[in-house]
Amino acid sequence: MAAPVQYQAIGRRKTSVARVYLRPGSGKVVVNKRPIEDYFPQEIRRIQINVPFAVTETEGQFDVVVNARGGGLTGQAEATRLGIARALLLFNEEFRIPLRAADVLTRDPRMVERKKYGQPKARKRFQFSKR
């Protein structure tokens, strides 16, 4: 049986979910049908997304298609990074050690704390009046 032509993985961060499709190609990245430069205009987010490729020395070897939903741009960027790292593992299991060392395989468990009744926010209290 031939190796799969496409590697698919899911990354999550806060309320963002990124479905990542990795195909052998020229290094083109498309997020929600838009080039990565349009979707993530800030350079820092694009660098963050490319960390798994830099760590595994596979820059320019894969075309990436991402469907990102929910949350904001930072959450979507980090979810995309996790999805790319997981897809690279499907391509080559030996990438686990460098990806783990770069800390891109860990799903960040932090979520927004829910608002409680009798308070304006999750932890903030209404002003206390003694008299």
C-alpha atoms as a PDB file:
ATOM      1  CA  MET A   1       0.000   0.000   0.000  1.00  0.00           C
ATOM      2  CA  ALA A   2       1.337   3.461  -0.921  1.00  0.00           C
ATOM      3  CA  ALA A   3       1.852   6.160   1.678  1.00  0.00           C
ATOM      4  CA  PRO A   4      -1.009   8.670   2.019  1.00  0.00           C
ATOM      5  CA  VAL A   5      -0.765  11.749  -0.158  1.00  0.00           C
ATOM      6  CA  GLN A   6      -2.232  13.986   2.555  1.00  0.00           C
ATOM      7  CA  TYR A   7      -1.724  14.161   6.326  1.00  0.00           C
ATOM      8  CA  GLN A   8      -4.600  15.532   8.405  1.00  0.00           C
ATOM      9  CA  ALA A   9      -4.545  16.682  12.032  1.00  0.00           C
ATOM     10  CA  ILE A  10      -6.491  18.903  14.409  1.00  0.00           C
ATOM     11  CA  GLY A  11      -5.049  21.555  16.708  1.00  0.00           C
ATOM     12  CA  ARG A  12      -6.912  23.384  19.468  1.00  0.00           C
ATOM     13  CA  ARG A  13      -6.239  26.413  21.654  1.00  0.00           C
ATOM     14  CA  LYS A  14      -8.786  28.175  23.895  1.00  0.00           C
ATOM     15  CA  THR A  15     -11.956  28.090  21.761  1.00  0.00           C
ATOM     16  CA  SER A  16     -10.121  27.889  18.421  1.00  0.00           C
ATOM     17  CA  VAL A  17     -10.026  24.724  16.331  1.00  0.00           C
ATOM     18  CA  ALA A  18      -7.738  24.352  13.319  1.00  0.00           C
ATOM     19  CA  ARG A  19      -8.070  21.470  10.862  1.00  0.00           C
ATOM     20  CA  VAL A  20      -4.726  21.129   9.103  1.00  0.00           C
ATOM     21  CA  TYR A  21      -4.094  19.310   5.819  1.00  0.00           C
ATOM     22  CA  LEU A  22      -0.429  18.722   4.939  1.00  0.00           C
ATOM     23  CA  ARG A  23       0.473  17.776   1.350  1.00  0.00           C
ATOM     24  CA  PRO A  24       3.900  17.419  -0.248  1.00  0.00           C
ATOM     25  CA  GLY A  25       4.499  20.642  -2.171  1.00  0.00           C
ATOM     26  CA  SER A  26       6.328  23.942  -2.332  1.00  0.00           C
ATOM     27  CA  GLY A  27       5.636  25.467   1.096  1.00  0.00           C
ATOM     28  CA  LYS A  28       2.435  27.396   0.318  1.00  0.00           C
ATOM     29  CA  VAL A  29       0.205  28.014   3.356  1.00  0.00           C
ATOM     30  CA  VAL A  30      -3.513  28.824   2.945  1.00  0.00           C
ATOM     31  CA  VAL A  31      -5.717  29.655   5.946  1.00  0.00           C
ATOM     32  CA  ASN A  32      -9.497  29.794   5.409  1.00  0.00           C
ATOM     33  CA  LYS A  33      -8.967  30.049   1.621  1.00  0.00           C
ATOM     34  CA  ARG A  34      -6.686  33.096   2.040  1.00  0.00           C
ATOM     35  CA  PRO A  35      -2.881  33.290   1.826  1.00  0.00           C
ATOM     36  CA  ILE A  36      -1.223  33.261   5.243  1.00  0.00           C
ATOM     37  CA  GLU A  37       0.079  36.825   4.705  1.00  0.00           C
ATOM     38  CA  ASP A  38      -3.519  38.078   4.367  1.00  0.00           C
ATOM     39  CA  TYR A  39      -5.018  36.034   7.206  1.00  0.00           C
ATOM     40  CA  PHE A  40      -2.196  36.598   9.722  1.00  0.00           C
ATOM     41  CA  PRO A  41      -0.798  40.057   8.840  1.00  0.00           C
ATOM     42  CA  GLN A  42       1.461  40.112  11.917  1.00  0.00           C
ATOM     43  CA  GLU A  43       4.878  38.563  11.274  1.00  0.00           C
ATOM     44  CA  ILE A  44       5.106  37.077  14.790  1.00  0.00           C
ATOM     45  CA  ARG A  45       2.077  34.818  14.191  1.00  0.00           C
ATOM     46  CA  ARG A  46       3.440  33.570  10.851  1.00  0.00           C
ATOM     47  CA  ILE A  47       6.797  32.787  12.506  1.00  0.00           C
ATOM     48  CA  GLN A  48       4.947  30.956  15.298  1.00  0.00           C
ATOM     49  CA  ILE A  49       3.034  28.830  12.776  1.00  0.00           C
ATOM     50  CA  ASN A  50       6.253  27.878  10.946  1.00  0.00           C
ATOM     51  CA  VAL A  51       8.084  26.703  14.097  1.00  0.00           C
ATOM     52  CA  PRO A  52       7.285  22.977  13.513  1.00  0.00           C
ATOM     53  CA  PHE A  53       8.784  23.181  10.009  1.00  0.00           C
ATOM     54  CA  ALA A  54      11.880  25.018  11.256  1.00  0.00           C
ATOM     55  CA  VAL A  55      12.452  22.494  14.056  1.00  0.00           C
ATOM     56  CA  THR A  56      12.105  19.476  11.740  1.00  0.00           C
ATOM     57  CA  GLU A  57      13.989  21.177   8.862  1.00  0.00           C
ATOM     58  CA  THR A  58      11.085  20.596   6.456  1.00  0.00           C
ATOM     59  CA  GLU A  59      10.518  24.223   5.401  1.00  0.00           C
ATOM     60  CA  GLY A  60       9.208  24.480   1.851  1.00  0.00           C
ATOM     61  CA  GLN A  61       8.488  20.746   1.544  1.00  0.00           C
ATOM     62  CA  PHE A  62       4.746  20.821   2.311  1.00  0.00           C
ATOM     63  CA  ASP A  63       1.715  22.785   1.195  1.00  0.00           C
ATOM     64  CA  VAL A  64      -0.585  23.505   4.130  1.00  0.00           C
ATOM     65  CA  VAL A  65      -4.342  24.067   3.975  1.00  0.00           C
ATOM     66  CA  VAL A  66      -5.949  25.175   7.239  1.00  0.00           C
ATOM     67  CA  ASN A  67      -9.604  25.550   8.227  1.00  0.00           C
ATOM     68  CA  ALA A  68      -9.604  27.633  11.419  1.00  0.00           C
ATOM     69  CA  ARG A  69     -12.727  28.398  13.439  1.00  0.00           C
ATOM     70  CA  GLY A  70     -13.534  30.114  16.716  1.00  0.00           C
ATOM     71  CA  GLY A  71     -11.568  32.356  19.030  1.00  0.00           C
ATOM     72  CA  GLY A  72      -9.231  35.092  17.888  1.00  0.00           C
ATOM     73  CA  LEU A  73      -6.174  35.269  15.682  1.00  0.00           C
ATOM     74  CA  THR A  74      -3.706  34.295  18.415  1.00  0.00           C
ATOM     75  CA  GLY A  75      -5.711  31.219  19.401  1.00  0.00           C
ATOM     76  CA  GLN A  76      -6.105  30.228  15.755  1.00  0.00           C
ATOM     77  CA  ALA A  77      -2.380  30.680  15.106  1.00  0.00           C
ATOM     78  CA  GLU A  78      -1.435  28.479  18.063  1.00  0.00           C
ATOM     79  CA  ALA A  79      -4.072  25.886  17.129  1.00  0.00           C
ATOM     80  CA  THR A  80      -2.629  25.847  13.593  1.00  0.00           C
ATOM     81  CA  ARG A  81       0.879  25.345  14.983  1.00  0.00           C
ATOM     82  CA  LEU A  82      -0.275  22.332  17.026  1.00  0.00           C
ATOM     83  CA  GLY A  83      -2.129  20.900  14.022  1.00  0.00           C
ATOM     84  CA  ILE A  84       0.950  21.216  11.793  1.00  0.00           C
ATOM     85  CA  ALA A  85       3.127  19.544  14.431  1.00  0.00           C
ATOM     86  CA  ARG A  86       0.675  16.640  14.760  1.00  0.00           C
ATOM     87  CA  ALA A  87       0.443  16.248  10.979  1.00  0.00           C
ATOM     88  CA  LEU A  88       4.260  16.165  10.728  1.00  0.00           C
ATOM     89  CA  LEU A  89       4.224  13.310  13.258  1.00  0.00           C
ATOM     90  CA  LEU A  90       1.930  11.366  10.945  1.00  0.00           C
ATOM     91  CA  PHE A  91       4.440  11.976   8.147  1.00  0.00           C
ATOM     92  CA  ASN A  92       7.472  10.885  10.208  1.00  0.00           C
ATOM     93  CA  GLU A  93       7.313   9.596  13.791  1.00  0.00           C
ATOM     94  CA  GLU A  94      11.024  10.423  14.287  1.00  0.00           C
ATOM     95  CA  PHE A  95      10.075  14.121  14.412  1.00  0.00           C
ATOM     96  CA  ARG A  96       8.555  13.556  17.887  1.00  0.00           C
ATOM     97  CA  ILE A  97      11.822  14.234  19.771  1.00  0.00           C
ATOM     98  CA  PRO A  98      12.665  17.631  18.180  1.00  0.00           C
ATOM     99  CA  LEU A  99       9.001  18.735  18.213  1.00  0.00           C
ATOM    100  CA  ARG A 100       8.672  17.780  21.882  1.00  0.00           C
ATOM    101  CA  ALA A 101      11.913  19.650  22.683  1.00  0.00           C
ATOM    102  CA  ALA A 102      10.523  22.760  20.939  1.00  0.00           C
ATOM    103  CA  ASP A 103       7.305  22.374  23.013  1.00  0.00           C
ATOM    104  CA  VAL A 104       4.963  22.427  20.013  1.00  0.00           C
ATOM    105  CA  LEU A 105       3.233  19.096  20.710  1.00  0.00           C
ATOM    106  CA  THR A 106       1.665  20.167  24.006  1.00  0.00           C
ATOM    107  CA  ARG A 107      -1.981  21.227  23.895  1.00  0.00           C
ATOM    108  CA  ASP A 108      -2.274  24.378  26.029  1.00  0.00           C
ATOM    109  CA  PRO A 109      -5.076  23.483  28.495  1.00  0.00           C
ATOM    110  CA  ARG A 110      -5.785  27.041  29.663  1.00  0.00           C
ATOM    111  CA  MET A 111      -9.352  28.155  29.026  1.00  0.00           C
ATOM    112  CA  VAL A 112     -11.304  31.266  29.960  1.00  0.00           C
ATOM    113  CA  GLU A 113     -12.801  30.958  33.437  1.00  0.00           C
ATOM    114  CA  ARG A 114     -16.564  31.251  33.497  1.00  0.00           C
ATOM    115  CA  LYS A 115     -18.349  34.285  34.907  1.00  0.00           C
ATOM    116  CA  LYS A 116     -20.024  33.686  38.295  1.00  0.00           C
ATOM    117  CA  TYR A 117     -23.389  35.059  39.379  1.00  0.00           C
ATOM    118  CA  GLY A 118     -23.281  37.980  41.808  1.00  0.00           C
ATOM    119  CA  GLN A 119     -20.010  39.189  40.248  1.00  0.00           C
ATOM    120  CA  PRO A 120     -19.324  41.387  37.214  1.00  0.00           C
ATOM    121  CA  LYS A 121     -16.625  39.010  35.880  1.00  0.00           C
ATOM    122  CA  ALA A 122     -15.070  35.639  36.744  1.00  0.00           C
ATOM    123  CA  ARG A 123     -13.085  36.901  39.750  1.00  0.00           C
ATOM    124  CA  LYS A 124     -13.856  40.596  40.049  1.00  0.00           C
ATOM    125  CA  ARG A 125     -16.373  41.482  42.759  1.00  0.00           C
ATOM    126  CA  PHE A 126     -18.844  44.356  42.953  1.00  0.00           C
ATOM    127  CA  GLN A 127     -17.621  47.125  45.246  1.00  0.00           C
ATOM    128  CA  PHE A 128     -18.162  46.274  48.928  1.00  0.00           C
ATOM    129  CA  SER A 129     -19.891  48.892  51.027  1.00  0.00           C
ATOM    130  CA  LYS A 130     -19.630  48.517  54.776  1.00  0.00           C
ATOM    131  CA  ARG A 131     -22.370  51.086  55.437  1.00  0.00           C
END
